[in-house]
Structures are given as C-alpha cells and as structure tokens.
C-alpha cells in the first residue's frame, strides 16, 4: 500500500451507521443488502460481500463504521452507496464497530 498524507485521509467521510434493515441478495452467494442510518436525512443502502460470516438478522440494530463518500456502485441490480468497514483475519471477516452505542452519523477522525 502506498503512504498517503493527512490531506488524503481527510477526504474520507467515515461515520457510525446503525443497521436498520439487512437481507440477503437473491441469486448471490455472498452479498447482504443494508439500509443504514448514517445521520443523513434518509438512510443509505450498502451491499457487502459478508453473508458467509454474518446472517442478515444478526446485524439489525448493530452499529458499524461506514465510508459514506465512496462513489455509488451497482451490484446485482442494486446501488451500493458506501462501504462498511471490516477487518480480515486469515479467512474470517470482522465488522468494525464502536465499543459503545453512540449517535448514528458520528464522524470518525
């Protein structure tokens, strides 16, 4: 990975998002579709390839760190409007979460 400067890091809008809805994407082995409250007027939709590691129902109400200013991308006919942050440890994925319940939309700095 290349080294970035602080000015590049400041371009990332990472916020705490609360999962309002979560479901498997039909005809996909790995995608989950989320609706998240990230402190904006309307919830955003994000698709993530984590269904091997998490069931949709286990994520309802959870808070996750979300990159909200990623350019939208179409996947399986749905638009993903950001990215949930996760850590990869060997073959296992762990979603990045705040240690306590905090206000949805709180910025990460």
PDB file of N, CA and C in Angstrom:
ATOM      1  N   UNK A   1       0.844  -1.180   0.000  1.00  0.00           N
ATOM      2  CA  UNK A   1       0.000   0.000   0.000  1.00  0.00           C
ATOM      3  C   UNK A   1       0.886   1.238   0.000  1.00  0.00           C
ATOM      4  N   UNK A   2       0.429   2.234  -0.715  1.00  0.00           N
ATOM      5  CA  UNK A   2       1.200   3.471  -0.735  1.00  0.00           C
ATOM      6  C   UNK A   2       0.869   4.317   0.496  1.00  0.00           C
ATOM      7  N   UNK A   3       1.816   5.133   0.912  1.00  0.00           N
ATOM      8  CA  UNK A   3       1.632   6.052   2.033  1.00  0.00           C
ATOM      9  C   UNK A   3       0.813   7.253   1.537  1.00  0.00           C
ATOM     10  N   UNK A   4      -0.186   7.648   2.322  1.00  0.00           N
ATOM     11  CA  UNK A   4      -0.958   8.835   1.979  1.00  0.00           C
ATOM     12  C   UNK A   4      -0.681   9.910   3.027  1.00  0.00           C
ATOM     13  N   UNK A   5      -0.980  11.134   2.675  1.00  0.00           N
ATOM     14  CA  UNK A   5      -0.797  12.201   3.654  1.00  0.00           C
ATOM     15  C   UNK A   5      -2.130  12.481   4.354  1.00  0.00           C
ATOM     16  N   UNK A   6      -2.073  13.319   5.375  1.00  0.00           N
ATOM     17  CA  UNK A   6      -3.255  13.629   6.163  1.00  0.00           C
ATOM     18  C   UNK A   6      -4.346  14.276   5.309  1.00  0.00           C
ATOM     19  N   UNK A   7      -3.968  15.076   4.342  1.00  0.00           N
ATOM     20  CA  UNK A   7      -4.958  15.712   3.463  1.00  0.00           C
ATOM     21  C   UNK A   7      -5.770  14.663   2.708  1.00  0.00           C
ATOM     22  N   UNK A   8      -5.124  13.569   2.279  1.00  0.00           N
ATOM     23  CA  UNK A   8      -5.850  12.479   1.616  1.00  0.00           C
ATOM     24  C   UNK A   8      -6.803  11.795   2.597  1.00  0.00           C
ATOM     25  N   UNK A   9      -6.338  11.555   3.820  1.00  0.00           N
ATOM     26  CA  UNK A   9      -7.173  10.906   4.831  1.00  0.00           C
ATOM     27  C   UNK A   9      -8.412  11.748   5.124  1.00  0.00           C
ATOM     28  N   UNK A  10      -8.267  13.062   5.177  1.00  0.00           N
ATOM     29  CA  UNK A  10      -9.401  13.947   5.479  1.00  0.00           C
ATOM     30  C   UNK A  10     -10.493  13.874   4.419  1.00  0.00           C
ATOM     31  N   UNK A  11     -10.180  13.354   3.249  1.00  0.00           N
ATOM     32  CA  UNK A  11     -11.182  13.217   2.186  1.00  0.00           C
ATOM     33  C   UNK A  11     -12.160  12.078   2.476  1.00  0.00           C
ATOM     34  N   UNK A  12     -11.794  11.162   3.365  1.00  0.00           N
ATOM     35  CA  UNK A  12     -12.646  10.021   3.694  1.00  0.00           C
ATOM     36  C   UNK A  12     -13.696  10.446   4.715  1.00  0.00           C
ATOM     37  N   UNK A  13     -14.963  10.239   4.393  1.00  0.00           N
ATOM     38  CA  UNK A  13     -16.048  10.531   5.323  1.00  0.00           C
ATOM     39  C   UNK A  13     -16.495   9.207   5.925  1.00  0.00           C
ATOM     40  N   UNK A  14     -15.910   8.883   7.072  1.00  0.00           N
ATOM     41  CA  UNK A  14     -16.230   7.639   7.774  1.00  0.00           C
ATOM     42  C   UNK A  14     -17.104   8.004   8.962  1.00  0.00           C
ATOM     43  N   UNK A  15     -18.259   7.342   9.038  1.00  0.00           N
ATOM     44  CA  UNK A  15     -19.227   7.651  10.093  1.00  0.00           C
ATOM     45  C   UNK A  15     -19.743   6.368  10.735  1.00  0.00           C
ATOM     46  N   UNK A  16     -20.337   6.534  11.893  1.00  0.00           N
ATOM     47  CA  UNK A  16     -21.020   5.429  12.548  1.00  0.00           C
ATOM     48  C   UNK A  16     -22.386   5.287  11.895  1.00  0.00           C
ATOM     49  N   UNK A  17     -22.700   4.075  11.485  1.00  0.00           N
ATOM     50  CA  UNK A  17     -24.001   3.787  10.892  1.00  0.00           C
ATOM     51  C   UNK A  17     -24.728   2.732  11.704  1.00  0.00           C
ATOM     52  N   UNK A  18     -26.024   2.916  11.867  1.00  0.00           N
ATOM     53  CA  UNK A  18     -26.858   1.937  12.560  1.00  0.00           C
ATOM     54  C   UNK A  18     -27.641   1.156  11.517  1.00  0.00           C
ATOM     55  N   UNK A  19     -27.552  -0.161  11.585  1.00  0.00           N
ATOM     56  CA  UNK A  19     -28.236  -1.026  10.618  1.00  0.00           C
ATOM     57  C   UNK A  19     -29.737  -1.036  10.928  1.00  0.00           C
ATOM     58  N   UNK A  20     -30.514  -0.546   9.978  1.00  0.00           N
ATOM     59  CA  UNK A  20     -31.977  -0.520  10.111  1.00  0.00           C
ATOM     60  C   UNK A  20     -32.608  -1.762   9.496  1.00  0.00           C
ATOM     61  N   UNK A  21     -32.061  -2.197   8.370  1.00  0.00           N
ATOM     62  CA  UNK A  21     -32.551  -3.382   7.652  1.00  0.00           C
ATOM     63  C   UNK A  21     -31.349  -4.139   7.110  1.00  0.00           C
ATOM     64  N   UNK A  22     -31.498  -5.443   6.997  1.00  0.00           N
ATOM     65  CA  UNK A  22     -30.443  -6.270   6.413  1.00  0.00           C
ATOM     66  C   UNK A  22     -31.087  -7.509   5.816  1.00  0.00           C
ATOM     67  N   UNK A  23     -30.679  -7.848   4.590  1.00  0.00           N
ATOM     68  CA  UNK A  23     -31.226  -9.040   3.935  1.00  0.00           C
ATOM     69  C   UNK A  23     -30.229  -9.587   2.924  1.00  0.00           C
ATOM     70  N   UNK A  24     -30.355 -10.882   2.651  1.00  0.00           N
ATOM     71  CA  UNK A  24     -29.531 -11.497   1.603  1.00  0.00           C
ATOM     72  C   UNK A  24     -30.021 -11.009   0.244  1.00  0.00           C
ATOM     73  N   UNK A  25     -29.092 -10.880  -0.682  1.00  0.00           N
ATOM     74  CA  UNK A  25     -29.431 -10.514  -2.051  1.00  0.00           C
ATOM     75  C   UNK A  25     -29.712 -11.810  -2.809  1.00  0.00           C
ATOM     76  N   UNK A  26     -30.912 -11.906  -3.387  1.00  0.00           N
ATOM     77  CA  UNK A  26     -31.270 -13.098  -4.164  1.00  0.00           C
ATOM     78  C   UNK A  26     -30.270 -13.335  -5.273  1.00  0.00           C
ATOM     79  N   UNK A  27     -29.998 -14.591  -5.554  1.00  0.00           N
ATOM     80  CA  UNK A  27     -29.089 -15.030  -6.617  1.00  0.00           C
ATOM     81  C   UNK A  27     -27.631 -14.656  -6.344  1.00  0.00           C
ATOM     82  N   UNK A  28     -27.302 -14.292  -5.109  1.00  0.00           N
ATOM     83  CA  UNK A  28     -25.916 -14.011  -4.737  1.00  0.00           C
ATOM     84  C   UNK A  28     -25.544 -14.894  -3.556  1.00  0.00           C
ATOM     85  N   UNK A  29     -24.357 -15.506  -3.634  1.00  0.00           N
ATOM     86  CA  UNK A  29     -23.891 -16.348  -2.539  1.00  0.00           C
ATOM     87  C   UNK A  29     -23.271 -15.546  -1.405  1.00  0.00           C
ATOM     88  N   UNK A  30     -22.863 -14.292  -1.688  1.00  0.00           N
ATOM     89  CA  UNK A  30     -22.129 -13.571  -0.655  1.00  0.00           C
ATOM     90  C   UNK A  30     -22.660 -12.196  -0.272  1.00  0.00           C
ATOM     91  N   UNK A  31     -23.573 -11.619  -1.058  1.00  0.00           N
ATOM     92  CA  UNK A  31     -23.972 -10.241  -0.784  1.00  0.00           C
ATOM     93  C   UNK A  31     -25.112 -10.119   0.229  1.00  0.00           C
ATOM     94  N   UNK A  32     -24.935  -9.161   1.146  1.00  0.00           N
ATOM     95  CA  UNK A  32     -26.008  -8.692   2.011  1.00  0.00           C
ATOM     96  C   UNK A  32     -26.317  -7.261   1.615  1.00  0.00           C
ATOM     97  N   UNK A  33     -27.592  -6.878   1.718  1.00  0.00           N
ATOM     98  CA  UNK A  33     -28.027  -5.517   1.422  1.00  0.00           C
ATOM     99  C   UNK A  33     -28.478  -4.882   2.727  1.00  0.00           C
ATOM    100  N   UNK A  34     -27.925  -3.706   3.012  1.00  0.00           N
ATOM    101  CA  UNK A  34     -28.225  -2.980   4.247  1.00  0.00           C
ATOM    102  C   UNK A  34     -28.922  -1.662   3.959  1.00  0.00           C
ATOM    103  N   UNK A  35     -29.768  -1.235   4.877  1.00  0.00           N
ATOM    104  CA  UNK A  35     -30.222   0.157   4.981  1.00  0.00           C
ATOM    105  C   UNK A  35     -29.622   0.639   6.296  1.00  0.00           C
ATOM    106  N   UNK A  36     -28.899   1.759   6.237  1.00  0.00           N
ATOM    107  CA  UNK A  36     -28.216   2.270   7.420  1.00  0.00           C
ATOM    108  C   UNK A  36     -28.553   3.725   7.687  1.00  0.00           C
ATOM    109  N   UNK A  37     -28.731   4.042   8.961  1.00  0.00           N
ATOM    110  CA  UNK A  37     -28.842   5.425   9.401  1.00  0.00           C
ATOM    111  C   UNK A  37     -27.416   5.916   9.640  1.00  0.00           C
ATOM    112  N   UNK A  38     -26.981   6.867   8.813  1.00  0.00           N
ATOM    113  CA  UNK A  38     -25.639   7.444   8.969  1.00  0.00           C
ATOM    114  C   UNK A  38     -25.734   8.938   9.282  1.00  0.00           C
ATOM    115  N   UNK A  39     -26.868   9.356   9.848  1.00  0.00           N
ATOM    116  CA  UNK A  39     -27.039  10.740  10.258  1.00  0.00           C
ATOM    117  C   UNK A  39     -27.480  11.680   9.157  1.00  0.00           C
ATOM    118  N   UNK A  40     -27.798  11.141   7.988  1.00  0.00           N
ATOM    119  CA  UNK A  40     -28.306  11.965   6.893  1.00  0.00           C
ATOM    120  C   UNK A  40     -29.830  11.982   6.955  1.00  0.00           C
ATOM    121  N   UNK A  41     -30.444  12.814   6.113  1.00  0.00           N
ATOM    122  CA  UNK A  41     -31.901  12.921   6.094  1.00  0.00           C
ATOM    123  C   UNK A  41     -32.552  11.567   5.835  1.00  0.00           C
ATOM    124  N   UNK A  42     -31.990  10.799   4.886  1.00  0.00           N
ATOM    125  CA  UNK A  42     -32.524   9.478   4.540  1.00  0.00           C
ATOM    126  C   UNK A  42     -31.459   8.415   4.764  1.00  0.00           C
ATOM    127  N   UNK A  43     -31.891   7.183   5.080  1.00  0.00           N
ATOM    128  CA  UNK A  43     -30.926   6.090   5.200  1.00  0.00           C
ATOM    129  C   UNK A  43     -30.224   5.840   3.864  1.00  0.00           C
ATOM    130  N   UNK A  44     -29.045   5.251   3.922  1.00  0.00           N
ATOM    131  CA  UNK A  44     -28.332   4.862   2.707  1.00  0.00           C
ATOM    132  C   UNK A  44     -28.376   3.344   2.563  1.00  0.00           C
ATOM    133  N   UNK A  45     -28.162   2.890   1.338  1.00  0.00           N
ATOM    134  CA  UNK A  45     -28.143   1.455   1.034  1.00  0.00           C
ATOM    135  C   UNK A  45     -26.714   1.045   0.702  1.00  0.00           C
ATOM    136  N   UNK A  46     -26.283  -0.034   1.311  1.00  0.00           N
ATOM    137  CA  UNK A  46     -24.939  -0.565   1.041  1.00  0.00           C
ATOM    138  C   UNK A  46     -25.044  -2.060   0.839  1.00  0.00           C
ATOM    139  N   UNK A  47     -24.300  -2.566  -0.135  1.00  0.00           N
ATOM    140  CA  UNK A  47     -24.166  -4.004  -0.345  1.00  0.00           C
ATOM    141  C   UNK A  47     -22.762  -4.410   0.088  1.00  0.00           C
ATOM    142  N   UNK A  48     -22.679  -5.558   0.732  1.00  0.00           N
ATOM    143  CA  UNK A  48     -21.386  -6.037   1.221  1.00  0.00           C
ATOM    144  C   UNK A  48     -21.315  -7.555   1.089  1.00  0.00           C
ATOM    145  N   UNK A  49     -20.169  -8.060   0.698  1.00  0.00           N
ATOM    146  CA  UNK A  49     -19.983  -9.493   0.486  1.00  0.00           C
ATOM    147  C   UNK A  49     -19.615 -10.244   1.755  1.00  0.00           C
ATOM    148  N   UNK A  50     -20.474 -10.175   2.754  1.00  0.00           N
ATOM    149  CA  UNK A  50     -20.145 -10.766   4.057  1.00  0.00           C
ATOM    150  C   UNK A  50     -21.132 -11.833   4.516  1.00  0.00           C
ATOM    151  N   UNK A  51     -22.005 -12.320   3.635  1.00  0.00           N
ATOM    152  CA  UNK A  51     -23.040 -13.262   4.091  1.00  0.00           C
ATOM    153  C   UNK A  51     -22.468 -14.598   4.560  1.00  0.00           C
ATOM    154  N   UNK A  52     -21.236 -14.905   4.187  1.00  0.00           N
ATOM    155  CA  UNK A  52     -20.580 -16.125   4.676  1.00  0.00           C
ATOM    156  C   UNK A  52     -20.259 -16.003   6.176  1.00  0.00           C
ATOM    157  N   UNK A  53     -20.141 -14.774   6.666  1.00  0.00           N
ATOM    158  CA  UNK A  53     -19.694 -14.527   8.034  1.00  0.00           C
ATOM    159  C   UNK A  53     -20.798 -14.028   8.967  1.00  0.00           C
ATOM    160  N   UNK A  54     -21.833 -13.416   8.392  1.00  0.00           N
ATOM    161  CA  UNK A  54     -22.896 -12.819   9.208  1.00  0.00           C
ATOM    162  C   UNK A  54     -24.261 -13.124   8.604  1.00  0.00           C
ATOM    163  N   UNK A  55     -25.220 -13.427   9.473  1.00  0.00           N
ATOM    164  CA  UNK A  55     -26.600 -13.571   8.997  1.00  0.00           C
ATOM    165  C   UNK A  55     -27.229 -12.184   8.986  1.00  0.00           C
ATOM    166  N   UNK A  56     -28.147 -11.925   8.068  1.00  0.00           N
ATOM    167  CA  UNK A  56     -28.753 -10.593   7.992  1.00  0.00           C
ATOM    168  C   UNK A  56     -29.421 -10.175   9.305  1.00  0.00           C
ATOM    169  N   UNK A  57     -30.151 -11.103   9.913  1.00  0.00           N
ATOM    170  CA  UNK A  57     -30.891 -10.757  11.126  1.00  0.00           C
ATOM    171  C   UNK A  57     -29.976 -10.439  12.312  1.00  0.00           C
ATOM    172  N   UNK A  58     -28.756 -10.982  12.321  1.00  0.00           N
ATOM    173  CA  UNK A  58     -27.835 -10.712  13.436  1.00  0.00           C
ATOM    174  C   UNK A  58     -27.287  -9.287  13.406  1.00  0.00           C
ATOM    175  N   UNK A  59     -27.479  -8.586  12.297  1.00  0.00           N
ATOM    176  CA  UNK A  59     -26.899  -7.250  12.151  1.00  0.00           C
ATOM    177  C   UNK A  59     -27.892  -6.114  12.406  1.00  0.00           C
ATOM    178  N   UNK A  60     -29.185  -6.424  12.484  1.00  0.00           N
ATOM    179  CA  UNK A  60     -30.191  -5.387  12.723  1.00  0.00           C
ATOM    180  C   UNK A  60     -29.902  -4.716  14.073  1.00  0.00           C
ATOM    181  N   UNK A  61     -29.822  -3.384  14.044  1.00  0.00           N
ATOM    182  CA  UNK A  61     -29.568  -2.621  15.269  1.00  0.00           C
ATOM    183  C   UNK A  61     -28.098  -2.438  15.601  1.00  0.00           C
ATOM    184  N   UNK A  62     -27.217  -3.174  14.934  1.00  0.00           N
ATOM    185  CA  UNK A  62     -25.770  -3.041  15.188  1.00  0.00           C
ATOM    186  C   UNK A  62     -25.265  -1.723  14.622  1.00  0.00           C
ATOM    187  N   UNK A  63     -24.218  -1.224  15.217  1.00  0.00           N
ATOM    188  CA  UNK A  63     -23.556  -0.044  14.690  1.00  0.00           C
ATOM    189  C   UNK A  63     -22.246  -0.467  14.047  1.00  0.00           C
ATOM    190  N   UNK A  64     -21.989   0.082  12.861  1.00  0.00           N
ATOM    191  CA  UNK A  64     -20.808  -0.255  12.080  1.00  0.00           C
ATOM    192  C   UNK A  64     -20.135   1.030  11.625  1.00  0.00           C
ATOM    193  N   UNK A  65     -18.856   0.946  11.286  1.00  0.00           N
ATOM    194  CA  UNK A  65     -18.188   2.087  10.669  1.00  0.00           C
ATOM    195  C   UNK A  65     -18.407   1.997   9.167  1.00  0.00           C
ATOM    196  N   UNK A  66     -18.760   3.146   8.576  1.00  0.00           N
ATOM    197  CA  UNK A  66     -19.188   3.186   7.185  1.00  0.00           C
ATOM    198  C   UNK A  66     -18.462   4.314   6.448  1.00  0.00           C
ATOM    199  N   UNK A  67     -17.888   3.988   5.294  1.00  0.00           N
ATOM    200  CA  UNK A  67     -17.342   5.009   4.399  1.00  0.00           C
ATOM    201  C   UNK A  67     -18.509   5.498   3.566  1.00  0.00           C
ATOM    202  N   UNK A  68     -18.942   6.760   3.795  1.00  0.00           N
ATOM    203  CA  UNK A  68     -20.171   7.236   3.170  1.00  0.00           C
ATOM    204  C   UNK A  68     -19.943   8.064   1.914  1.00  0.00           C
ATOM    205  N   UNK A  69     -18.709   8.459   1.627  1.00  0.00           N
ATOM    206  CA  UNK A  69     -18.494   9.272   0.419  1.00  0.00           C
ATOM    207  C   UNK A  69     -17.782   8.499  -0.688  1.00  0.00           C
ATOM    208  N   UNK A  70     -17.982   7.199  -0.709  1.00  0.00           N
ATOM    209  CA  UNK A  70     -17.491   6.364  -1.800  1.00  0.00           C
ATOM    210  C   UNK A  70     -18.467   6.499  -2.971  1.00  0.00           C
ATOM    211  N   UNK A  71     -17.944   6.602  -4.172  1.00  0.00           N
ATOM    212  CA  UNK A  71     -18.811   6.725  -5.350  1.00  0.00           C
ATOM    213  C   UNK A  71     -19.770   5.535  -5.410  1.00  0.00           C
ATOM    214  N   UNK A  72     -21.053   5.770  -5.718  1.00  0.00           N
ATOM    215  CA  UNK A  72     -22.020   4.669  -5.813  1.00  0.00           C
ATOM    216  C   UNK A  72     -21.586   3.639  -6.853  1.00  0.00           C
ATOM    217  N   UNK A  73     -21.974   2.382  -6.586  1.00  0.00           N
ATOM    218  CA  UNK A  73     -21.604   1.280  -7.471  1.00  0.00           C
ATOM    219  C   UNK A  73     -22.800   0.330  -7.572  1.00  0.00           C
ATOM    220  N   UNK A  74     -23.063  -0.143  -8.772  1.00  0.00           N
ATOM    221  CA  UNK A  74     -24.159  -1.069  -8.993  1.00  0.00           C
ATOM    222  C   UNK A  74     -23.668  -2.504  -8.831  1.00  0.00           C
ATOM    223  N   UNK A  75     -24.427  -3.286  -8.039  1.00  0.00           N
ATOM    224  CA  UNK A  75     -24.118  -4.705  -7.837  1.00  0.00           C
ATOM    225  C   UNK A  75     -25.422  -5.487  -7.847  1.00  0.00           C
ATOM    226  N   UNK A  76     -25.501  -6.498  -8.687  1.00  0.00           N
ATOM    227  CA  UNK A  76     -26.671  -7.377  -8.755  1.00  0.00           C
ATOM    228  C   UNK A  76     -27.980  -6.581  -8.903  1.00  0.00           C
ATOM    229  N   UNK A  77     -27.924  -5.468  -9.613  1.00  0.00           N
ATOM    230  CA  UNK A  77     -29.104  -4.669  -9.853  1.00  0.00           C
ATOM    231  C   UNK A  77     -29.458  -3.677  -8.759  1.00  0.00           C
ATOM    232  N   UNK A  78     -28.616  -3.555  -7.736  1.00  0.00           N
ATOM    233  CA  UNK A  78     -28.847  -2.615  -6.642  1.00  0.00           C
ATOM    234  C   UNK A  78     -27.679  -1.631  -6.573  1.00  0.00           C
ATOM    235  N   UNK A  79     -27.974  -0.417  -6.115  1.00  0.00           N
ATOM    236  CA  UNK A  79     -26.913   0.574  -5.955  1.00  0.00           C
ATOM    237  C   UNK A  79     -26.377   0.533  -4.525  1.00  0.00           C
ATOM    238  N   UNK A  80     -25.057   0.419  -4.404  1.00  0.00           N
ATOM    239  CA  UNK A  80     -24.389   0.497  -3.114  1.00  0.00           C
ATOM    240  C   UNK A  80     -23.842   1.908  -2.966  1.00  0.00           C
ATOM    241  N   UNK A  81     -24.200   2.562  -1.866  1.00  0.00           N
ATOM    242  CA  UNK A  81     -23.887   3.976  -1.666  1.00  0.00           C
ATOM    243  C   UNK A  81     -22.799   4.206  -0.629  1.00  0.00           C
ATOM    244  N   UNK A  82     -21.922   3.248  -0.450  1.00  0.00           N
ATOM    245  CA  UNK A  82     -20.846   3.368   0.528  1.00  0.00           C
ATOM    246  C   UNK A  82     -20.231   2.008   0.773  1.00  0.00           C
ATOM    247  N   UNK A  83     -19.505   1.897   1.885  1.00  0.00           N
ATOM    248  CA  UNK A  83     -18.842   0.639   2.221  1.00  0.00           C
ATOM    249  C   UNK A  83     -18.778   0.486   3.738  1.00  0.00           C
ATOM    250  N   UNK A  84     -19.199  -0.682   4.236  1.00  0.00           N
ATOM    251  CA  UNK A  84     -18.996  -0.971   5.650  1.00  0.00           C
ATOM    252  C   UNK A  84     -17.547  -1.419   5.815  1.00  0.00           C
ATOM    253  N   UNK A  85     -16.919  -1.001   6.905  1.00  0.00           N
ATOM    254  CA  UNK A  85     -15.519  -1.332   7.135  1.00  0.00           C
ATOM    255  C   UNK A  85     -15.407  -2.640   7.902  1.00  0.00           C
ATOM    256  N   UNK A  86     -14.475  -3.468   7.470  1.00  0.00           N
ATOM    257  CA  UNK A  86     -14.266  -4.772   8.089  1.00  0.00           C
ATOM    258  C   UNK A  86     -12.778  -5.084   8.108  1.00  0.00           C
ATOM    259  N   UNK A  87     -12.395  -5.922   9.049  1.00  0.00           N
ATOM    260  CA  UNK A  87     -11.019  -6.396   9.142  1.00  0.00           C
ATOM    261  C   UNK A  87     -10.984  -7.862   8.728  1.00  0.00           C
ATOM    262  N   UNK A  88      -9.949  -8.237   8.033  1.00  0.00           N
ATOM    263  CA  UNK A  88      -9.761  -9.623   7.597  1.00  0.00           C
ATOM    264  C   UNK A  88      -8.653 -10.239   8.432  1.00  0.00           C
ATOM    265  N   UNK A  89      -8.984 -11.329   9.126  1.00  0.00           N
ATOM    266  CA  UNK A  89      -8.007 -12.058   9.941  1.00  0.00           C
ATOM    267  C   UNK A  89      -7.991 -13.496   9.440  1.00  0.00           C
ATOM    268  N   UNK A  90      -7.000 -13.812   8.616  1.00  0.00           N
ATOM    269  CA  UNK A  90      -6.973 -15.125   7.979  1.00  0.00           C
ATOM    270  C   UNK A  90      -8.141 -15.242   7.031  1.00  0.00           C
ATOM    271  N   UNK A  91      -9.016 -16.208   7.281  1.00  0.00           N
ATOM    272  CA  UNK A  91     -10.196 -16.411   6.435  1.00  0.00           C
ATOM    273  C   UNK A  91     -11.472 -15.864   7.060  1.00  0.00           C
ATOM    274  N   UNK A  92     -11.344 -15.065   8.110  1.00  0.00           N
ATOM    275  CA  UNK A  92     -12.515 -14.563   8.816  1.00  0.00           C
ATOM    276  C   UNK A  92     -12.612 -13.050   8.695  1.00  0.00           C
ATOM    277  N   UNK A  93     -13.836 -12.568   8.539  1.00  0.00           N
ATOM    278  CA  UNK A  93     -14.112 -11.136   8.429  1.00  0.00           C
ATOM    279  C   UNK A  93     -14.758 -10.667   9.730  1.00  0.00           C
ATOM    280  N   UNK A  94     -14.295  -9.520  10.234  1.00  0.00           N
ATOM    281  CA  UNK A  94     -14.858  -8.910  11.427  1.00  0.00           C
ATOM    282  C   UNK A  94     -15.275  -7.483  11.095  1.00  0.00           C
ATOM    283  N   UNK A  95     -16.543  -7.169  11.284  1.00  0.00           N
ATOM    284  CA  UNK A  95     -17.019  -5.811  11.053  1.00  0.00           C
ATOM    285  C   UNK A  95     -16.465  -4.886  12.130  1.00  0.00           C
ATOM    286  N   UNK A  96     -16.107  -3.669  11.736  1.00  0.00           N
ATOM    287  CA  UNK A  96     -15.556  -2.695  12.668  1.00  0.00           C
ATOM    288  C   UNK A  96     -16.720  -1.949  13.311  1.00  0.00           C
ATOM    289  N   UNK A  97     -16.743  -1.978  14.653  1.00  0.00           N
ATOM    290  CA  UNK A  97     -17.864  -1.413  15.403  1.00  0.00           C
ATOM    291  C   UNK A  97     -17.349  -0.530  16.537  1.00  0.00           C
ATOM    292  N   UNK A  98     -18.118   0.525  16.885  1.00  0.00           N
ATOM    293  CA  UNK A  98     -17.749   1.291  18.074  1.00  0.00           C
ATOM    294  C   UNK A  98     -17.933   0.415  19.318  1.00  0.00           C
ATOM    295  N   UNK A  99     -17.182   0.703  20.357  1.00  0.00           N
ATOM    296  CA  UNK A  99     -17.267  -0.137  21.552  1.00  0.00           C
ATOM    297  C   UNK A  99     -18.537   0.101  22.374  1.00  0.00           C
ATOM    298  N   UNK A 100     -19.165   1.269  22.168  1.00  0.00           N
ATOM    299  CA  UNK A 100     -20.417   1.596  22.869  1.00  0.00           C
ATOM    300  C   UNK A 100     -21.395   2.165  21.848  1.00  0.00           C
ATOM    301  N   UNK A 101     -22.676   2.130  22.204  1.00  0.00           N
ATOM    302  CA  UNK A 101     -23.713   2.724  21.368  1.00  0.00           C
ATOM    303  C   UNK A 101     -23.527   4.233  21.351  1.00  0.00           C
ATOM    304  N   UNK A 102     -23.399   4.814  20.157  1.00  0.00           N
ATOM    305  CA  UNK A 102     -23.250   6.263  20.021  1.00  0.00           C
ATOM    306  C   UNK A 102     -24.198   6.759  18.940  1.00  0.00           C
ATOM    307  N   UNK A 103     -24.252   8.058  18.768  1.00  0.00           N
ATOM    308  CA  UNK A 103     -25.171   8.663  17.815  1.00  0.00           C
ATOM    309  C   UNK A 103     -24.833   8.263  16.385  1.00  0.00           C
ATOM    310  N   UNK A 104     -25.834   7.770  15.653  1.00  0.00           N
ATOM    311  CA  UNK A 104     -25.636   7.443  14.224  1.00  0.00           C
ATOM    312  C   UNK A 104     -25.207   8.708  13.499  1.00  0.00           C
ATOM    313  N   UNK A 105     -24.221   8.563  12.630  1.00  0.00           N
ATOM    314  CA  UNK A 105     -23.695   9.696  11.883  1.00  0.00           C
ATOM    315  C   UNK A 105     -22.475  10.330  12.525  1.00  0.00           C
ATOM    316  N   UNK A 106     -22.115   9.890  13.745  1.00  0.00           N
ATOM    317  CA  UNK A 106     -20.923  10.436  14.392  1.00  0.00           C
ATOM    318  C   UNK A 106     -19.720  10.201  13.486  1.00  0.00           C
ATOM    319  N   UNK A 107     -18.909  11.242  13.253  1.00  0.00           N
ATOM    320  CA  UNK A 107     -17.757  11.084  12.357  1.00  0.00           C
ATOM    321  C   UNK A 107     -16.584  10.376  13.040  1.00  0.00           C
ATOM    322  N   UNK A 108     -15.814   9.675  12.239  1.00  0.00           N
ATOM    323  CA  UNK A 108     -14.574   9.043  12.690  1.00  0.00           C
ATOM    324  C   UNK A 108     -13.433   9.948  12.277  1.00  0.00           C
ATOM    325  N   UNK A 109     -12.548  10.242  13.206  1.00  0.00           N
ATOM    326  CA  UNK A 109     -11.418  11.101  12.866  1.00  0.00           C
ATOM    327  C   UNK A 109     -10.131  10.534  13.415  1.00  0.00           C
TER     328      UNK A 109
END
